[in-house]
Amino acid sequence: MRKPRKGMLELLAWKSEPERNVLCKPDGSLVVRGVEIAAAAIDLARKWDDDSRKQDKGPHDQVAALFRRLKTSLHAWTMALDHLASTT
């Protein structure tokens, strides 16, 4: 993520475009019901029957990195949509 000259945050990597779930109300207003973003897979450690085998590394670092990216992405998305917030 970076902040360019115009002040809007930019994401420098992504898996795919976000998918929006938007409801159009009878009065013509739009309500965002949800946003789906693609996420990376997490490699889970195997549980071996043979205790002499070396244990796989746990997913803790991968999960932490995934949530850091998610937090950054949601922050950038929120900043990008901030101009749509109601002023009433």
C-alpha atoms as a PDB file:
ATOM      1  CA  MET A   1       0.000   0.000   0.000  1.00  0.00           C
ATOM      2  CA  ARG A   2       1.198   3.504  -0.678  1.00  0.00           C
ATOM      3  CA  LYS A   3      -0.160   7.030  -0.475  1.00  0.00           C
ATOM      4  CA  PRO A   4       0.328   8.872  -3.784  1.00  0.00           C
ATOM      5  CA  ARG A   5       0.369  12.615  -4.387  1.00  0.00           C
ATOM      6  CA  LYS A   6      -3.432  12.947  -4.556  1.00  0.00           C
ATOM      7  CA  GLY A   7      -3.761  11.521  -1.047  1.00  0.00           C
ATOM      8  CA  MET A   8      -5.786   8.372  -1.884  1.00  0.00           C
ATOM      9  CA  LEU A   9      -4.356   5.044  -0.669  1.00  0.00           C
ATOM     10  CA  GLU A  10      -3.376   2.545  -3.380  1.00  0.00           C
ATOM     11  CA  LEU A  11      -3.154  -1.220  -2.995  1.00  0.00           C
ATOM     12  CA  LEU A  12      -0.128  -2.551  -4.817  1.00  0.00           C
ATOM     13  CA  ALA A  13      -1.224  -6.215  -5.028  1.00  0.00           C
ATOM     14  CA  TRP A  14      -4.496  -8.111  -5.151  1.00  0.00           C
ATOM     15  CA  LYS A  15      -5.936 -11.494  -6.121  1.00  0.00           C
ATOM     16  CA  SER A  16      -9.038 -10.234  -7.931  1.00  0.00           C
ATOM     17  CA  GLU A  17     -11.508  -7.383  -8.016  1.00  0.00           C
ATOM     18  CA  PRO A  18     -13.725  -7.044  -4.927  1.00  0.00           C
ATOM     19  CA  GLU A  19     -17.270  -8.328  -5.390  1.00  0.00           C
ATOM     20  CA  ARG A  20     -20.011  -6.085  -4.041  1.00  0.00           C
ATOM     21  CA  ASN A  21     -23.464  -7.010  -2.816  1.00  0.00           C
ATOM     22  CA  VAL A  22     -25.595  -3.874  -3.200  1.00  0.00           C
ATOM     23  CA  LEU A  23     -29.324  -3.471  -2.567  1.00  0.00           C
ATOM     24  CA  CYS A  24     -31.250  -0.883  -4.575  1.00  0.00           C
ATOM     25  CA  LYS A  25     -34.113   0.374  -2.405  1.00  0.00           C
ATOM     26  CA  PRO A  26     -37.453   1.515  -3.884  1.00  0.00           C
ATOM     27  CA  ASP A  27     -36.488   5.171  -3.354  1.00  0.00           C
ATOM     28  CA  GLY A  28     -33.390   4.665  -5.548  1.00  0.00           C
ATOM     29  CA  SER A  29     -30.840   4.700  -2.734  1.00  0.00           C
ATOM     30  CA  LEU A  30     -28.157   2.037  -2.695  1.00  0.00           C
ATOM     31  CA  VAL A  31     -27.205   0.052   0.393  1.00  0.00           C
ATOM     32  CA  VAL A  32     -23.911  -1.848   0.465  1.00  0.00           C
ATOM     33  CA  ARG A  33     -24.727  -5.213   2.031  1.00  0.00           C
ATOM     34  CA  GLY A  34     -21.299  -6.753   1.734  1.00  0.00           C
ATOM     35  CA  VAL A  35     -17.958  -6.899  -0.006  1.00  0.00           C
ATOM     36  CA  GLU A  36     -16.032 -10.077  -0.829  1.00  0.00           C
ATOM     37  CA  ILE A  37     -12.302 -10.049  -1.367  1.00  0.00           C
ATOM     38  CA  ALA A  38     -10.032 -12.893  -2.452  1.00  0.00           C
ATOM     39  CA  ALA A  39      -7.622 -14.181   0.150  1.00  0.00           C
ATOM     40  CA  ALA A  40      -4.585 -16.408   0.054  1.00  0.00           C
ATOM     41  CA  ALA A  41      -4.674 -20.004   1.230  1.00  0.00           C
ATOM     42  CA  ILE A  42      -3.040 -20.921   4.517  1.00  0.00           C
ATOM     43  CA  ASP A  43      -0.836 -24.020   4.720  1.00  0.00           C
ATOM     44  CA  LEU A  44      -1.894 -26.044   7.763  1.00  0.00           C
ATOM     45  CA  ALA A  45       0.515 -28.238   9.685  1.00  0.00           C
ATOM     46  CA  ARG A  46       0.059 -31.981   9.297  1.00  0.00           C
ATOM     47  CA  LYS A  47      -0.397 -34.192  12.343  1.00  0.00           C
ATOM     48  CA  TRP A  48       1.904 -37.197  11.875  1.00  0.00           C
ATOM     49  CA  ASP A  49       1.198 -40.613  13.401  1.00  0.00           C
ATOM     50  CA  ASP A  50       4.944 -41.147  13.617  1.00  0.00           C
ATOM     51  CA  ASP A  51       6.341 -38.973  16.432  1.00  0.00           C
ATOM     52  CA  SER A  52       9.872 -39.275  15.026  1.00  0.00           C
ATOM     53  CA  ARG A  53       8.924 -37.194  11.963  1.00  0.00           C
ATOM     54  CA  LYS A  54       9.734 -33.520  12.031  1.00  0.00           C
ATOM     55  CA  GLN A  55       6.600 -31.474  12.705  1.00  0.00           C
ATOM     56  CA  ASP A  56       5.454 -29.007  10.061  1.00  0.00           C
ATOM     57  CA  LYS A  57       5.717 -25.323  10.874  1.00  0.00           C
ATOM     58  CA  GLY A  58       2.453 -23.953  12.255  1.00  0.00           C
ATOM     59  CA  PRO A  59       0.346 -21.408  10.339  1.00  0.00           C
ATOM     60  CA  HIS A  60       0.761 -18.583  12.873  1.00  0.00           C
ATOM     61  CA  ASP A  61       3.040 -16.386  10.721  1.00  0.00           C
ATOM     62  CA  GLN A  62       0.881 -16.930   7.613  1.00  0.00           C
ATOM     63  CA  VAL A  63      -2.325 -16.096   9.505  1.00  0.00           C
ATOM     64  CA  ALA A  64      -0.774 -12.956  11.002  1.00  0.00           C
ATOM     65  CA  ALA A  65       0.438 -11.812   7.561  1.00  0.00           C
ATOM     66  CA  LEU A  66      -2.997 -12.516   6.032  1.00  0.00           C
ATOM     67  CA  PHE A  67      -4.747 -10.390   8.656  1.00  0.00           C
ATOM     68  CA  ARG A  68      -2.201  -7.584   8.281  1.00  0.00           C
ATOM     69  CA  ARG A  69      -2.948  -7.511   4.534  1.00  0.00           C
ATOM     70  CA  LEU A  70      -6.685  -7.688   5.223  1.00  0.00           C
ATOM     71  CA  LYS A  71      -6.494  -4.809   7.714  1.00  0.00           C
ATOM     72  CA  THR A  72      -4.488  -2.702   5.247  1.00  0.00           C
ATOM     73  CA  SER A  73      -6.877  -3.496   2.384  1.00  0.00           C
ATOM     74  CA  LEU A  74      -9.989  -2.691   4.419  1.00  0.00           C
ATOM     75  CA  HIS A  75      -8.430   0.571   5.578  1.00  0.00           C
ATOM     76  CA  ALA A  76      -7.608   1.567   1.994  1.00  0.00           C
ATOM     77  CA  TRP A  77     -11.108   0.571   0.845  1.00  0.00           C
ATOM     78  CA  THR A  78     -12.695   2.587   3.657  1.00  0.00           C
ATOM     79  CA  MET A  79     -10.585   5.629   2.773  1.00  0.00           C
ATOM     80  CA  ALA A  80     -11.511   5.278  -0.913  1.00  0.00           C
ATOM     81  CA  LEU A  81     -15.234   5.193  -0.061  1.00  0.00           C
ATOM     82  CA  ASP A  82     -15.083   7.867   2.612  1.00  0.00           C
ATOM     83  CA  HIS A  83     -16.375  10.492   0.162  1.00  0.00           C
ATOM     84  CA  LEU A  84     -19.649   8.514  -0.127  1.00  0.00           C
ATOM     85  CA  ALA A  85     -20.431   8.849   3.584  1.00  0.00           C
ATOM     86  CA  SER A  86     -23.607  10.721   4.392  1.00  0.00           C
ATOM     87  CA  THR A  87     -23.115  14.269   5.622  1.00  0.00           C
ATOM     88  CA  THR A  88     -26.552  14.493   7.277  1.00  0.00           C
END
